[in-house]
C-alpha atoms as a PDB file:
ATOM      1  CA  MET A   1     185.233 105.244 230.294  1.00  0.00           C
ATOM      2  CA  GLY A   2     186.465 106.688 226.993  1.00  0.00           C
ATOM      3  CA  PHE A   3     187.983 110.050 226.243  1.00  0.00           C
ATOM      4  CA  LEU A   4     187.563 112.077 223.116  1.00  0.00           C
ATOM      5  CA  GLU A   5     190.492 112.356 220.772  1.00  0.00           C
ATOM      6  CA  LYS A   6     190.915 115.356 218.508  1.00  0.00           C
ATOM      7  CA  TRP A   7     189.992 114.240 214.978  1.00  0.00           C
ATOM      8  CA  SER A   8     192.461 114.783 212.206  1.00  0.00           C
ATOM      9  CA  PRO A   9     191.667 113.865 208.592  1.00  0.00           C
ATOM     10  CA  SER A  10     195.296 112.868 208.111  1.00  0.00           C
ATOM     11  CA  THR A  11     194.730 110.056 210.605  1.00  0.00           C
ATOM     12  CA  ASP A  12     192.163 108.374 208.363  1.00  0.00           C
ATOM     13  CA  LEU A  13     194.324 108.950 205.292  1.00  0.00           C
ATOM     14  CA  GLU A  14     197.319 107.422 207.069  1.00  0.00           C
ATOM     15  CA  GLN A  15     195.249 104.336 207.986  1.00  0.00           C
ATOM     16  CA  LEU A  16     194.150 104.017 204.351  1.00  0.00           C
ATOM     17  CA  ARG A  17     197.766 104.273 203.275  1.00  0.00           C
ATOM     18  CA  HIS A  18     198.807 101.477 205.660  1.00  0.00           C
ATOM     19  CA  GLU A  19     196.008  99.273 204.320  1.00  0.00           C
ATOM     20  CA  PHE A  20     197.054 100.042 200.736  1.00  0.00           C
ATOM     21  CA  ASP A  21     200.682  99.157 201.596  1.00  0.00           C
ATOM     22  CA  ASP A  22     199.474  95.824 202.991  1.00  0.00           C
ATOM     23  CA  LEU A  23     197.424  95.185 199.847  1.00  0.00           C
ATOM     24  CA  LEU A  24     200.426  95.855 197.587  1.00  0.00           C
ATOM     25  CA  GLU A  25     202.526  93.529 199.705  1.00  0.00           C
ATOM     26  CA  ARG A  26     199.948  90.722 199.400  1.00  0.00           C
ATOM     27  CA  PHE A  27     200.204  90.951 195.622  1.00  0.00           C
ATOM     28  CA  GLY A  28     203.986  90.759 195.712  1.00  0.00           C
ATOM     29  CA  PHE A  29     204.879  94.416 195.163  1.00  0.00           C
ATOM     30  CA  ASP A  30     207.736  95.920 197.106  1.00  0.00           C
ATOM     31  CA  ARG A  31     206.593  99.205 198.604  1.00  0.00           C
ATOM     32  CA  THR A  32     210.065 100.663 198.096  1.00  0.00           C
ATOM     33  CA  GLU A  33     209.404 100.553 194.344  1.00  0.00           C
ATOM     34  CA  PHE A  34     207.112 103.550 194.802  1.00  0.00           C
ATOM     35  CA  LYS A  35     209.797 106.140 195.539  1.00  0.00           C
ATOM     36  CA  ALA A  36     207.367 109.010 194.972  1.00  0.00           C
ATOM     37  CA  TRP A  37     205.588 108.020 198.188  1.00  0.00           C
ATOM     38  CA  PRO A  38     207.646 109.264 201.123  1.00  0.00           C
ATOM     39  CA  ILE A  39     207.348 107.397 204.382  1.00  0.00           C
ATOM     40  CA  ALA A  40     204.779 109.266 206.422  1.00  0.00           C
ATOM     41  CA  SER A  41     204.641 109.615 210.156  1.00  0.00           C
ATOM     42  CA  ASN A  42     203.330 106.598 211.991  1.00  0.00           C
ATOM     43  CA  ARG A  43     200.778 106.351 214.763  1.00  0.00           C
ATOM     44  CA  PRO A  44     201.812 104.325 217.777  1.00  0.00           C
ATOM     45  CA  ALA A  45     199.051 102.554 219.687  1.00  0.00           C
ATOM     46  CA  ILE A  46     197.750 104.507 222.668  1.00  0.00           C
ATOM     47  CA  GLU A  47     195.595 103.586 225.655  1.00  0.00           C
ATOM     48  CA  SER A  48     194.195 105.873 228.348  1.00  0.00           C
ATOM     49  CA  SER A  49     192.452 104.711 231.497  1.00  0.00           C
ATOM     50  CA  ILE A  50     191.589 105.465 235.091  1.00  0.00           C
ATOM     51  CA  ASP A  51     193.532 103.202 237.438  1.00  0.00           C
ATOM     52  CA  GLY A  52     192.317 103.684 240.989  1.00  0.00           C
ATOM     53  CA  ASP A  53     192.946 107.323 241.845  1.00  0.00           C
ATOM     54  CA  LYS A  54     195.109 108.185 238.826  1.00  0.00           C
ATOM     55  CA  PHE A  55     194.782 108.847 235.118  1.00  0.00           C
ATOM     56  CA  VAL A  56     197.154 106.708 233.019  1.00  0.00           C
ATOM     57  CA  VAL A  57     198.185 106.929 229.364  1.00  0.00           C
ATOM     58  CA  ARG A  58     200.290 104.196 227.733  1.00  0.00           C
ATOM     59  CA  VAL A  59     201.919 104.651 224.329  1.00  0.00           C
ATOM     60  CA  ASP A  60     203.538 101.682 222.543  1.00  0.00           C
ATOM     61  CA  LEU A  61     206.964 102.822 221.358  1.00  0.00           C
ATOM     62  CA  PRO A  62     209.059  99.686 220.799  1.00  0.00           C
ATOM     63  CA  GLY A  63     212.518 100.452 219.488  1.00  0.00           C
ATOM     64  CA  VAL A  64     212.249 104.171 220.285  1.00  0.00           C
ATOM     65  CA  ASP A  65     215.073 105.694 222.318  1.00  0.00           C
ATOM     66  CA  PRO A  66     213.607 107.736 225.217  1.00  0.00           C
ATOM     67  CA  LYS A  67     215.912 110.610 224.163  1.00  0.00           C
ATOM     68  CA  ASN A  68     213.869 110.817 220.933  1.00  0.00           C
ATOM     69  CA  ILE A  69     210.522 111.307 222.717  1.00  0.00           C
ATOM     70  CA  ASP A  70     208.969 114.727 223.340  1.00  0.00           C
ATOM     71  CA  VAL A  71     205.925 115.054 225.624  1.00  0.00           C
ATOM     72  CA  ASN A  72     204.027 118.294 226.158  1.00  0.00           C
ATOM     73  CA  VAL A  73     200.624 119.652 227.127  1.00  0.00           C
ATOM     74  CA  VAL A  74     199.046 122.725 225.530  1.00  0.00           C
ATOM     75  CA  ASN A  75     195.489 123.837 226.325  1.00  0.00           C
ATOM     76  CA  GLY A  76     194.595 120.447 227.833  1.00  0.00           C
ATOM     77  CA  ILE A  77     195.910 118.448 224.843  1.00  0.00           C
ATOM     78  CA  LEU A  78     198.636 115.910 225.664  1.00  0.00           C
ATOM     79  CA  THR A  79     200.992 115.384 222.713  1.00  0.00           C
ATOM     80  CA  VAL A  80     203.607 112.636 222.417  1.00  0.00           C
ATOM     81  CA  LYS A  81     205.945 112.893 219.445  1.00  0.00           C
ATOM     82  CA  GLY A  82     209.362 111.709 218.450  1.00  0.00           C
ATOM     83  CA  THR A  83     211.372 109.644 216.028  1.00  0.00           C
ATOM     84  CA  ARG A  84     211.955 105.932 215.515  1.00  0.00           C
ATOM     85  CA  GLU A  85     215.377 105.659 213.945  1.00  0.00           C
ATOM     86  CA  GLU A  86     216.235 102.848 211.574  1.00  0.00           C
ATOM     87  CA  LYS A  87     219.209 100.807 212.737  1.00  0.00           C
ATOM     88  CA  ARG A  88     220.919  98.468 210.330  1.00  0.00           C
ATOM     89  CA  GLU A  89     224.133  96.568 210.770  1.00  0.00           C
ATOM     90  CA  SER A  90     225.365  97.645 207.361  1.00  0.00           C
ATOM     91  CA  ASP A  91     224.367  99.969 204.567  1.00  0.00           C
ATOM     92  CA  LYS A  92     224.504  96.967 202.232  1.00  0.00           C
ATOM     93  CA  ALA A  93     221.782  95.097 204.139  1.00  0.00           C
ATOM     94  CA  SER A  94     218.649  94.703 202.075  1.00  0.00           C
ATOM     95  CA  VAL A  95     215.238  94.563 203.641  1.00  0.00           C
ATOM     96  CA  PHE A  96     213.268  91.440 202.797  1.00  0.00           C
ATOM     97  CA  ARG A  97     210.097  92.465 204.608  1.00  0.00           C
ATOM     98  CA  ARG A  98     209.316  95.687 206.495  1.00  0.00           C
ATOM     99  CA  GLU A  99     206.383  96.056 208.857  1.00  0.00           C
ATOM    100  CA  ILE A 100     208.030  98.504 211.233  1.00  0.00           C
ATOM    101  CA  ARG A 101     207.534 102.165 210.401  1.00  0.00           C
ATOM    102  CA  TYR A 102     210.524 104.423 210.912  1.00  0.00           C
ATOM    103  CA  GLY A 103     210.622 108.184 211.081  1.00  0.00           C
ATOM    104  CA  SER A 104     208.592 110.682 213.026  1.00  0.00           C
ATOM    105  CA  PHE A 105     205.417 109.929 214.958  1.00  0.00           C
ATOM    106  CA  GLU A 106     202.885 111.976 216.865  1.00  0.00           C
ATOM    107  CA  ARG A 107     199.786 111.265 218.965  1.00  0.00           C
ATOM    108  CA  ALA A 108     197.571 113.721 220.812  1.00  0.00           C
ATOM    109  CA  ILE A 109     194.681 113.222 223.236  1.00  0.00           C
ATOM    110  CA  SER A 110     192.582 115.511 225.392  1.00  0.00           C
ATOM    111  CA  LEU A 111     193.258 115.296 229.097  1.00  0.00           C
ATOM    112  CA  PRO A 112     190.237 114.827 231.372  1.00  0.00           C
ATOM    113  CA  GLU A 113     189.067 117.969 233.096  1.00  0.00           C
ATOM    114  CA  GLY A 114     191.011 118.689 236.272  1.00  0.00           C
ATOM    115  CA  ILE A 115     194.219 116.854 235.310  1.00  0.00           C
ATOM    116  CA  LYS A 116     197.152 119.217 235.791  1.00  0.00           C
ATOM    117  CA  ALA A 117     200.028 119.060 233.316  1.00  0.00           C
ATOM    118  CA  ASP A 118     202.501 119.765 236.139  1.00  0.00           C
ATOM    119  CA  ASP A 119     201.377 116.548 237.874  1.00  0.00           C
ATOM    120  CA  LEU A 120     202.131 114.265 234.895  1.00  0.00           C
ATOM    121  CA  LYS A 121     204.957 111.784 235.392  1.00  0.00           C
ATOM    122  CA  ALA A 122     206.504 109.934 232.441  1.00  0.00           C
ATOM    123  CA  VAL A 123     208.322 106.587 232.572  1.00  0.00           C
ATOM    124  CA  HIS A 124     209.663 104.650 229.559  1.00  0.00           C
ATOM    125  CA  HIS A 125     210.085 100.899 230.090  1.00  0.00           C
ATOM    126  CA  ASP A 126     210.009  97.824 227.863  1.00  0.00           C
ATOM    127  CA  GLY A 127     209.066  99.881 224.799  1.00  0.00           C
ATOM    128  CA  VAL A 128     206.088 101.553 226.504  1.00  0.00           C
ATOM    129  CA  LEU A 129     205.849 105.189 227.535  1.00  0.00           C
ATOM    130  CA  GLU A 130     203.576 105.475 230.579  1.00  0.00           C
ATOM    131  CA  LEU A 131     202.269 108.851 231.693  1.00  0.00           C
ATOM    132  CA  SER A 132     200.287 109.192 234.893  1.00  0.00           C
ATOM    133  CA  ALA A 133     198.741 111.921 237.004  1.00  0.00           C
ATOM    134  CA  PRO A 134     196.576 111.891 240.108  1.00  0.00           C
ATOM    135  CA  LEU A 135     192.865 112.432 239.564  1.00  0.00           C
ATOM    136  CA  PRO A 136     191.362 115.456 241.296  1.00  0.00           C
ATOM    137  CA  LYS A 137     189.251 114.424 244.281  1.00  0.00           C
ATOM    138  CA  GLU A 138     186.134 115.804 242.550  1.00  0.00           C
ATOM    139  CA  SER A 139     186.678 113.299 239.722  1.00  0.00           C
ATOM    140  CA  ALA A 140     186.718 110.261 241.983  1.00  0.00           C
ATOM    141  CA  ALA A 141     184.022 107.808 241.019  1.00  0.00           C
ATOM    142  CA  LYS A 142     181.133 107.652 243.454  1.00  0.00           C
ATOM    143  CA  THR A 143     178.032 105.544 243.360  1.00  0.00           C
ATOM    144  CA  ILE A 144     174.660 107.149 243.895  1.00  0.00           C
ATOM    145  CA  LYS A 145     171.761 104.799 244.530  1.00  0.00           C
ATOM    146  CA  ILE A 146     168.542 105.896 242.850  1.00  0.00           C
ATOM    147  CA  GLN A 147     165.327 104.540 244.326  1.00  0.00           C
ATOM    148  CA  VAL A 148     163.024 103.037 241.709  1.00  0.00           C
ATOM    149  CA  GLU A 149     159.359 103.401 242.525  1.00  0.00           C
ATOM    150  CA  GLU A 150     156.624 101.245 241.063  1.00  0.00           C
ATOM    151  CA  LYS A 151     153.727 103.168 239.637  1.00  0.00           C
ATOM    152  CA  LYS A 152     150.470 101.650 240.851  1.00  0.00           C
ATOM    153  CA  PRO A 153     147.354 101.766 238.686  1.00  0.00           C
ATOM    154  CA  GLU A 154     144.966 104.463 239.747  1.00  0.00           C
ATOM    155  CA  SER A 155     142.000 103.060 241.674  1.00  0.00           C
ATOM    156  CA  GLY A 156     138.461 103.698 240.482  1.00  0.00           C
ATOM    157  CA  LYS A 157     139.218 103.520 236.759  1.00  0.00           C
ATOM    158  CA  LYS A 158     138.054 100.617 234.693  1.00  0.00           C
ATOM    159  CA  ALA A 159     139.976  99.130 231.864  1.00  0.00           C
ATOM    160  CA  ALA A 160     138.383  99.711 228.492  1.00  0.00           C
END
């Protein structure tokens, strides 16, 4: 069961930018040579699902300190944002290859109808932020059996 995500044109542009960065890298260009291009926010992977009687959202945030994560709900939109800080042993260290995006990030999804923001619980473990809330009883999946009837040909009519 999928949920709609609010569309943002910047999302598609950011994806195009990541693909362009990868293309430059394949041809041997160092992305840091293009100083005019600031590092944009990144988009951590997100997964939402129904697990039994609860709604669960998982956001991949490896290397992100839980103190740098902000979670809020406004008008039924759950937003997770924060910052992935770059940590280097020394200022003199040079980066040979960089596939990790540092800086700010933000993701937003619509909550299913009936989920209450006050019921959301957030736990950060092993680089994954997991948010969960109980489903309202009305939202519980139920199976309704529909009887299929066979339509019999009408008697008294001849086939042409």
